[in-house]
Amino acid sequence: MKNNIVYGRREMLKTLTSLGAVGVLSPLLGGCVPLTQSNDVIRISGEVLINGKLITNEQLSSSSGLQVTNDSTLQTGSDGSAIFIVGKDAFFLRRNSNIVLNPAKDKNIITGLQLISGAILSVFAQGNRLLRTPTAIIGIKGTGAYLEFDSERTYICTCYGTAQIEAAADPANAETVTTHHHNEPRFIYNADNRKEPAPMINHHDPELSMLEKLVGRVPPWEA
């Protein structure tokens, strides 16, 4: 995105390597996956804060691990990223990002999330979720989605599944898209609420495969 961090393929490989995810990617993609039974932080790199507290790899490697509640706030610094799970939803939070999870009554379920800044790749179990940026609202159900927000615009790629996309200030012009493989990305511009088609940027299929495998699923193109 213009005037924003570019999360390209090199960035993805660098981040996966720093997370230790390249090492675990092969077994995850290969079949048997040890599923988490709770809301776990799987990997972190660099500066990562949960509810304002800096977390460390030592916390992850402890016998109890590190959990994230379904109402948590997560932030990453310029060198930070995190992979985490809430119930059957899995997330890859990018650097320079800030999100707030929106809880359901069930502690293992979120109703959605608010991306205040930065970018996040997410895969969701069946059920309605609401993704928000300061200028956009995206309603989804059992999809993979990549979301970015900066001072100029929101970017949303419905990687697969169905989403209703609208500018927060212009709900009358909401549109519904259904995709199988990154078919309908959108830019939503902050200044005038304009929506327009966009390319697929800053996220990659191996990342989606990794996240889905962590919660015992595969993306539709693999199925």
C-alpha atoms as a PDB file:
ATOM      1  CA  MET A   1       0.000   0.000   0.000  1.00  0.00           C
ATOM      2  CA  LYS A   2       1.226   3.493  -0.749  1.00  0.00           C
ATOM      3  CA  ASN A   3       2.869   5.256   2.209  1.00  0.00           C
ATOM      4  CA  ASN A   4       2.720   2.067   4.219  1.00  0.00           C
ATOM      5  CA  ILE A   5       4.823  -0.922   5.198  1.00  0.00           C
ATOM      6  CA  VAL A   6       5.093  -3.500   2.442  1.00  0.00           C
ATOM      7  CA  TYR A   7       4.716  -7.013   3.805  1.00  0.00           C
ATOM      8  CA  GLY A   8       6.147  -8.770   0.739  1.00  0.00           C
ATOM      9  CA  ARG A   9       7.314 -12.317   0.146  1.00  0.00           C
ATOM     10  CA  ARG A  10      10.794 -11.587   1.487  1.00  0.00           C
ATOM     11  CA  GLU A  11       9.240 -10.083   4.617  1.00  0.00           C
ATOM     12  CA  MET A  12       7.034 -13.143   5.010  1.00  0.00           C
ATOM     13  CA  LEU A  13       9.987 -15.551   4.765  1.00  0.00           C
ATOM     14  CA  LYS A  14      12.057 -13.421   7.139  1.00  0.00           C
ATOM     15  CA  THR A  15       9.228 -13.289   9.654  1.00  0.00           C
ATOM     16  CA  LEU A  16       8.473 -17.003   9.447  1.00  0.00           C
ATOM     17  CA  THR A  17      12.151 -17.732   9.939  1.00  0.00           C
ATOM     18  CA  SER A  18      12.414 -15.439  12.953  1.00  0.00           C
ATOM     19  CA  LEU A  19       9.278 -16.998  14.413  1.00  0.00           C
ATOM     20  CA  GLY A  20      10.682 -20.462  13.955  1.00  0.00           C
ATOM     21  CA  ALA A  21       7.748 -21.109  11.653  1.00  0.00           C
ATOM     22  CA  VAL A  22       9.783 -22.245   8.656  1.00  0.00           C
ATOM     23  CA  GLY A  23      11.023 -25.092  10.804  1.00  0.00           C
ATOM     24  CA  VAL A  24       7.506 -26.065  11.846  1.00  0.00           C
ATOM     25  CA  LEU A  25       5.884 -25.278   8.509  1.00  0.00           C
ATOM     26  CA  SER A  26       6.774 -28.589   6.850  1.00  0.00           C
ATOM     27  CA  PRO A  27       5.209 -30.815   9.520  1.00  0.00           C
ATOM     28  CA  LEU A  28       2.212 -28.498   9.745  1.00  0.00           C
ATOM     29  CA  LEU A  29       1.644 -28.708   6.023  1.00  0.00           C
ATOM     30  CA  GLY A  30       2.447 -32.394   5.953  1.00  0.00           C
ATOM     31  CA  GLY A  31      -0.446 -33.739   7.965  1.00  0.00           C
ATOM     32  CA  CYS A  32      -0.478 -34.471  11.692  1.00  0.00           C
ATOM     33  CA  VAL A  33      -0.907 -31.322  13.769  1.00  0.00           C
ATOM     34  CA  PRO A  34      -0.808 -31.082  17.572  1.00  0.00           C
ATOM     35  CA  LEU A  35      -3.858 -28.893  18.109  1.00  0.00           C
ATOM     36  CA  THR A  36      -3.857 -26.360  20.889  1.00  0.00           C
ATOM     37  CA  GLN A  37      -6.591 -26.793  23.473  1.00  0.00           C
ATOM     38  CA  SER A  38      -6.684 -23.199  24.641  1.00  0.00           C
ATOM     39  CA  ASN A  39      -6.045 -19.615  23.606  1.00  0.00           C
ATOM     40  CA  ASP A  40      -2.312 -19.807  23.017  1.00  0.00           C
ATOM     41  CA  VAL A  41       0.429 -17.573  21.729  1.00  0.00           C
ATOM     42  CA  ILE A  42       2.336 -19.876  19.368  1.00  0.00           C
ATOM     43  CA  ARG A  43       5.322 -17.765  18.289  1.00  0.00           C
ATOM     44  CA  ILE A  44       6.543 -14.213  18.748  1.00  0.00           C
ATOM     45  CA  SER A  45       9.347 -12.184  17.230  1.00  0.00           C
ATOM     46  CA  GLY A  46      10.673  -8.836  18.428  1.00  0.00           C
ATOM     47  CA  GLU A  47       8.563  -6.485  20.518  1.00  0.00           C
ATOM     48  CA  VAL A  48       5.093  -7.841  21.309  1.00  0.00           C
ATOM     49  CA  LEU A  49       2.773  -6.531  24.019  1.00  0.00           C
ATOM     50  CA  ILE A  50      -0.388  -8.136  25.349  1.00  0.00           C
ATOM     51  CA  ASN A  51      -2.614  -5.796  27.328  1.00  0.00           C
ATOM     52  CA  GLY A  52       0.275  -3.356  27.519  1.00  0.00           C
ATOM     53  CA  LYS A  53       2.780  -5.861  28.949  1.00  0.00           C
ATOM     54  CA  LEU A  54       5.871  -6.890  27.014  1.00  0.00           C
ATOM     55  CA  ILE A  55       6.025 -10.648  26.476  1.00  0.00           C
ATOM     56  CA  THR A  56       9.087 -12.797  25.942  1.00  0.00           C
ATOM     57  CA  ASN A  57      10.054 -16.095  24.379  1.00  0.00           C
ATOM     58  CA  GLU A  58      10.912 -17.333  27.872  1.00  0.00           C
ATOM     59  CA  GLN A  59       7.237 -17.026  28.768  1.00  0.00           C
ATOM     60  CA  LEU A  60       6.298 -19.073  25.715  1.00  0.00           C
ATOM     61  CA  SER A  61       8.771 -21.816  26.568  1.00  0.00           C
ATOM     62  CA  SER A  62       7.618 -22.146  30.179  1.00  0.00           C
ATOM     63  CA  SER A  63       5.611 -25.200  31.203  1.00  0.00           C
ATOM     64  CA  SER A  64       2.381 -23.203  31.248  1.00  0.00           C
ATOM     65  CA  GLY A  65       3.047 -21.389  27.977  1.00  0.00           C
ATOM     66  CA  LEU A  66       1.334 -18.056  27.363  1.00  0.00           C
ATOM     67  CA  GLN A  67      -2.350 -17.534  26.801  1.00  0.00           C
ATOM     68  CA  VAL A  68      -4.261 -14.659  25.265  1.00  0.00           C
ATOM     69  CA  THR A  69      -7.810 -13.952  26.430  1.00  0.00           C
ATOM     70  CA  ASN A  70     -10.570 -13.261  23.944  1.00  0.00           C
ATOM     71  CA  ASP A  71     -10.741  -9.608  25.022  1.00  0.00           C
ATOM     72  CA  SER A  72      -7.018  -8.875  24.742  1.00  0.00           C
ATOM     73  CA  THR A  73      -5.242  -5.952  23.129  1.00  0.00           C
ATOM     74  CA  LEU A  74      -2.091  -6.876  21.193  1.00  0.00           C
ATOM     75  CA  GLN A  75       0.589  -4.544  19.876  1.00  0.00           C
ATOM     76  CA  THR A  76       3.796  -5.129  17.941  1.00  0.00           C
ATOM     77  CA  GLY A  77       6.826  -2.896  17.472  1.00  0.00           C
ATOM     78  CA  SER A  78       8.827  -2.233  14.332  1.00  0.00           C
ATOM     79  CA  ASP A  79      10.493  -5.638  14.637  1.00  0.00           C
ATOM     80  CA  GLY A  80       7.540  -7.460  16.179  1.00  0.00           C
ATOM     81  CA  SER A  81       5.108 -10.124  14.999  1.00  0.00           C
ATOM     82  CA  ALA A  82       3.023 -12.826  16.607  1.00  0.00           C
ATOM     83  CA  ILE A  83       1.145 -15.989  15.746  1.00  0.00           C
ATOM     84  CA  PHE A  84      -1.663 -16.830  18.167  1.00  0.00           C
ATOM     85  CA  ILE A  85      -4.878 -18.795  18.483  1.00  0.00           C
ATOM     86  CA  VAL A  86      -8.238 -18.045  20.078  1.00  0.00           C
ATOM     87  CA  GLY A  87     -10.364 -21.183  20.055  1.00  0.00           C
ATOM     88  CA  LYS A  88     -10.572 -22.279  16.415  1.00  0.00           C
ATOM     89  CA  ASP A  89      -9.466 -18.919  14.975  1.00  0.00           C
ATOM     90  CA  ALA A  90      -5.779 -18.322  14.187  1.00  0.00           C
ATOM     91  CA  PHE A  91      -3.908 -15.072  13.559  1.00  0.00           C
ATOM     92  CA  PHE A  92      -0.616 -13.745  12.211  1.00  0.00           C
ATOM     93  CA  LEU A  93      -0.143 -10.191  13.518  1.00  0.00           C
ATOM     94  CA  ARG A  94       2.388  -8.113  11.572  1.00  0.00           C
ATOM     95  CA  ARG A  95       4.890  -5.543  12.751  1.00  0.00           C
ATOM     96  CA  ASN A  96       3.784  -2.028  13.789  1.00  0.00           C
ATOM     97  CA  SER A  97       0.269  -3.272  14.485  1.00  0.00           C
ATOM     98  CA  ASN A  98      -2.357  -2.722  17.162  1.00  0.00           C
ATOM     99  CA  ILE A  99      -5.518  -4.802  17.541  1.00  0.00           C
ATOM    100  CA  VAL A 100      -8.325  -5.237  20.045  1.00  0.00           C
ATOM    101  CA  LEU A 101     -10.143  -8.570  20.236  1.00  0.00           C
ATOM    102  CA  ASN A 102     -13.904  -8.430  20.786  1.00  0.00           C
ATOM    103  CA  PRO A 103     -15.069 -11.209  23.120  1.00  0.00           C
ATOM    104  CA  ALA A 104     -18.027 -13.536  23.013  1.00  0.00           C
ATOM    105  CA  LYS A 105     -19.494 -15.095  26.160  1.00  0.00           C
ATOM    106  CA  ASP A 106     -17.547 -18.264  25.439  1.00  0.00           C
ATOM    107  CA  LYS A 107     -13.933 -17.558  26.407  1.00  0.00           C
ATOM    108  CA  ASN A 108     -12.702 -19.479  23.352  1.00  0.00           C
ATOM    109  CA  ILE A 109     -14.654 -17.392  20.835  1.00  0.00           C
ATOM    110  CA  ILE A 110     -14.328 -13.813  19.603  1.00  0.00           C
ATOM    111  CA  THR A 111     -17.071 -11.872  17.873  1.00  0.00           C
ATOM    112  CA  GLY A 112     -14.458 -10.035  15.834  1.00  0.00           C
ATOM    113  CA  LEU A 113     -11.583  -7.628  16.148  1.00  0.00           C
ATOM    114  CA  GLN A 114     -10.652  -4.007  15.627  1.00  0.00           C
ATOM    115  CA  LEU A 115      -7.462  -3.234  13.733  1.00  0.00           C
ATOM    116  CA  ILE A 116      -6.325   0.179  14.922  1.00  0.00           C
ATOM    117  CA  SER A 117      -3.133   0.182  12.846  1.00  0.00           C
ATOM    118  CA  GLY A 118      -0.929  -2.191  10.895  1.00  0.00           C
ATOM    119  CA  ALA A 119      -1.956  -5.549   9.467  1.00  0.00           C
ATOM    120  CA  ILE A 120      -3.240  -8.984  10.443  1.00  0.00           C
ATOM    121  CA  LEU A 121      -3.860 -12.249   8.606  1.00  0.00           C
ATOM    122  CA  SER A 122      -6.679 -14.319  10.101  1.00  0.00           C
ATOM    123  CA  VAL A 123      -8.483 -17.613   9.556  1.00  0.00           C
ATOM    124  CA  PHE A 124     -11.843 -18.162  11.210  1.00  0.00           C
ATOM    125  CA  ALA A 125     -14.055 -21.096  12.121  1.00  0.00           C
ATOM    126  CA  GLN A 126     -17.700 -21.096  11.109  1.00  0.00           C
ATOM    127  CA  GLY A 127     -19.717 -18.326  12.709  1.00  0.00           C
ATOM    128  CA  ASN A 128     -20.134 -14.607  12.212  1.00  0.00           C
ATOM    129  CA  ARG A 129     -17.236 -12.248  12.891  1.00  0.00           C
ATOM    130  CA  LEU A 130     -17.016  -8.477  12.519  1.00  0.00           C
ATOM    131  CA  LEU A 131     -13.694  -6.941  11.510  1.00  0.00           C
ATOM    132  CA  ARG A 132     -13.272  -3.205  11.947  1.00  0.00           C
ATOM    133  CA  THR A 133     -10.775  -0.533  11.105  1.00  0.00           C
ATOM    134  CA  PRO A 134     -11.359   3.142  11.961  1.00  0.00           C
ATOM    135  CA  THR A 135     -12.967   3.609   8.531  1.00  0.00           C
ATOM    136  CA  ALA A 136     -14.288   0.196   7.445  1.00  0.00           C
ATOM    137  CA  ILE A 137     -16.509  -2.651   8.650  1.00  0.00           C
ATOM    138  CA  ILE A 138     -16.250  -6.170   7.251  1.00  0.00           C
ATOM    139  CA  GLY A 139     -18.703  -8.869   8.224  1.00  0.00           C
ATOM    140  CA  ILE A 140     -17.446 -12.401   7.587  1.00  0.00           C
ATOM    141  CA  LYS A 141     -18.419 -16.000   8.249  1.00  0.00           C
ATOM    142  CA  GLY A 142     -15.865 -18.799   8.326  1.00  0.00           C
ATOM    143  CA  THR A 143     -13.302 -17.183   6.057  1.00  0.00           C
ATOM    144  CA  GLY A 144      -9.651 -16.366   5.681  1.00  0.00           C
ATOM    145  CA  ALA A 145      -9.020 -12.628   5.579  1.00  0.00           C
ATOM    146  CA  TYR A 146      -6.102 -10.228   5.386  1.00  0.00           C
ATOM    147  CA  LEU A 147      -6.625  -6.706   6.726  1.00  0.00           C
ATOM    148  CA  GLU A 148      -4.425  -3.589   6.681  1.00  0.00           C
ATOM    149  CA  PHE A 149      -5.049  -0.036   7.832  1.00  0.00           C
ATOM    150  CA  ASP A 150      -2.976   3.128   7.498  1.00  0.00           C
ATOM    151  CA  SER A 151      -3.557   6.863   7.268  1.00  0.00           C
ATOM    152  CA  GLU A 152      -4.698   6.606   3.654  1.00  0.00           C
ATOM    153  CA  ARG A 153      -6.926   3.550   3.381  1.00  0.00           C
ATOM    154  CA  THR A 154      -8.123   0.161   4.534  1.00  0.00           C
ATOM    155  CA  TYR A 155      -7.137  -2.896   2.537  1.00  0.00           C
ATOM    156  CA  ILE A 156      -9.194  -6.080   2.809  1.00  0.00           C
ATOM    157  CA  CYS A 157      -8.644  -9.358   0.994  1.00  0.00           C
ATOM    158  CA  THR A 158     -11.301 -11.990   1.535  1.00  0.00           C
ATOM    159  CA  CYS A 159      -8.901 -14.836   0.860  1.00  0.00           C
ATOM    160  CA  TYR A 160     -11.774 -17.312   0.688  1.00  0.00           C
ATOM    161  CA  GLY A 161     -15.387 -17.308   1.793  1.00  0.00           C
ATOM    162  CA  THR A 162     -17.962 -14.520   1.885  1.00  0.00           C
ATOM    163  CA  ALA A 163     -17.657 -11.018   3.320  1.00  0.00           C
ATOM    164  CA  GLN A 164     -19.816  -7.913   3.439  1.00  0.00           C
ATOM    165  CA  ILE A 165     -17.581  -4.881   3.001  1.00  0.00           C
ATOM    166  CA  GLU A 166     -18.541  -1.294   3.756  1.00  0.00           C
ATOM    167  CA  ALA A 167     -17.039   2.063   4.544  1.00  0.00           C
ATOM    168  CA  ALA A 168     -18.003   2.876   8.127  1.00  0.00           C
ATOM    169  CA  ALA A 169     -19.307   6.297   7.052  1.00  0.00           C
ATOM    170  CA  ASP A 170     -21.201   4.961   4.035  1.00  0.00           C
ATOM    171  CA  PRO A 171     -23.082   1.760   4.985  1.00  0.00           C
ATOM    172  CA  ALA A 172     -25.614   2.216   2.178  1.00  0.00           C
ATOM    173  CA  ASN A 173     -22.951   1.234  -0.339  1.00  0.00           C
ATOM    174  CA  ALA A 174     -21.979  -2.055   1.282  1.00  0.00           C
ATOM    175  CA  GLU A 175     -21.122  -4.896  -1.070  1.00  0.00           C
ATOM    176  CA  THR A 176     -20.940  -8.649  -0.621  1.00  0.00           C
ATOM    177  CA  VAL A 177     -18.101 -10.628  -2.158  1.00  0.00           C
ATOM    178  CA  THR A 178     -17.635 -14.396  -2.333  1.00  0.00           C
ATOM    179  CA  THR A 179     -14.200 -15.725  -3.210  1.00  0.00           C
ATOM    180  CA  HIS A 180     -12.279 -18.981  -3.455  1.00  0.00           C
ATOM    181  CA  HIS A 181      -8.703 -17.746  -3.768  1.00  0.00           C
ATOM    182  CA  HIS A 182      -8.089 -14.006  -3.235  1.00  0.00           C
ATOM    183  CA  ASN A 183     -10.501 -13.051  -6.026  1.00  0.00           C
ATOM    184  CA  GLU A 184     -11.946  -9.767  -4.717  1.00  0.00           C
ATOM    185  CA  PRO A 185      -9.537  -7.603  -2.646  1.00  0.00           C
ATOM    186  CA  ARG A 186     -10.644  -4.029  -1.978  1.00  0.00           C
ATOM    187  CA  PHE A 187      -9.190  -0.671  -1.046  1.00  0.00           C
ATOM    188  CA  ILE A 188     -11.454   1.610   1.017  1.00  0.00           C
ATOM    189  CA  TYR A 189     -10.131   5.169   1.083  1.00  0.00           C
ATOM    190  CA  ASN A 190     -10.391   7.110   4.320  1.00  0.00           C
ATOM    191  CA  ALA A 191     -10.901  10.552   2.785  1.00  0.00           C
ATOM    192  CA  ASP A 192     -13.968   9.881   0.638  1.00  0.00           C
ATOM    193  CA  ASN A 193     -15.158   6.336   1.582  1.00  0.00           C
ATOM    194  CA  ARG A 194     -14.464   5.231  -1.985  1.00  0.00           C
ATOM    195  CA  LYS A 195     -14.082   1.492  -2.598  1.00  0.00           C
ATOM    196  CA  GLU A 196     -12.159   0.075  -5.526  1.00  0.00           C
ATOM    197  CA  PRO A 197     -10.734  -3.282  -6.621  1.00  0.00           C
ATOM    198  CA  ALA A 198      -7.215  -3.980  -5.391  1.00  0.00           C
ATOM    199  CA  PRO A 199      -4.469  -6.504  -6.104  1.00  0.00           C
ATOM    200  CA  MET A 200      -3.515  -9.278  -3.705  1.00  0.00           C
ATOM    201  CA  ILE A 201      -0.691  -7.798  -1.622  1.00  0.00           C
ATOM    202  CA  ASN A 202       1.392  -8.491   1.476  1.00  0.00           C
ATOM    203  CA  HIS A 203       0.129 -11.983   2.328  1.00  0.00           C
ATOM    204  CA  HIS A 204       0.782 -15.451   0.938  1.00  0.00           C
ATOM    205  CA  ASP A 205      -0.765 -18.893   0.682  1.00  0.00           C
ATOM    206  CA  PRO A 206       1.858 -20.670   2.870  1.00  0.00           C
ATOM    207  CA  GLU A 207       0.914 -18.352   5.733  1.00  0.00           C
ATOM    208  CA  LEU A 208      -2.764 -19.233   5.359  1.00  0.00           C
ATOM    209  CA  SER A 209      -1.934 -22.936   5.191  1.00  0.00           C
ATOM    210  CA  MET A 210       0.139 -22.635   8.345  1.00  0.00           C
ATOM    211  CA  LEU A 211      -2.630 -20.877  10.263  1.00  0.00           C
ATOM    212  CA  GLU A 212      -5.339 -23.287   9.133  1.00  0.00           C
ATOM    213  CA  LYS A 213      -3.210 -26.301  10.034  1.00  0.00           C
ATOM    214  CA  LEU A 214      -2.748 -24.923  13.540  1.00  0.00           C
ATOM    215  CA  VAL A 215      -6.496 -25.269  14.083  1.00  0.00           C
ATOM    216  CA  GLY A 216      -6.941 -28.527  12.179  1.00  0.00           C
ATOM    217  CA  ARG A 217      -8.188 -27.247   8.830  1.00  0.00           C
ATOM    218  CA  VAL A 218      -6.879 -26.638   5.320  1.00  0.00           C
ATOM    219  CA  PRO A 219      -7.620 -23.763   2.910  1.00  0.00           C
ATOM    220  CA  PRO A 220     -10.215 -24.579   0.236  1.00  0.00           C
ATOM    221  CA  TRP A 221      -7.683 -24.790  -2.601  1.00  0.00           C
ATOM    222  CA  GLU A 222      -5.883 -27.573  -0.711  1.00  0.00           C
ATOM    223  CA  ALA A 223      -9.104 -29.388   0.117  1.00  0.00           C
END
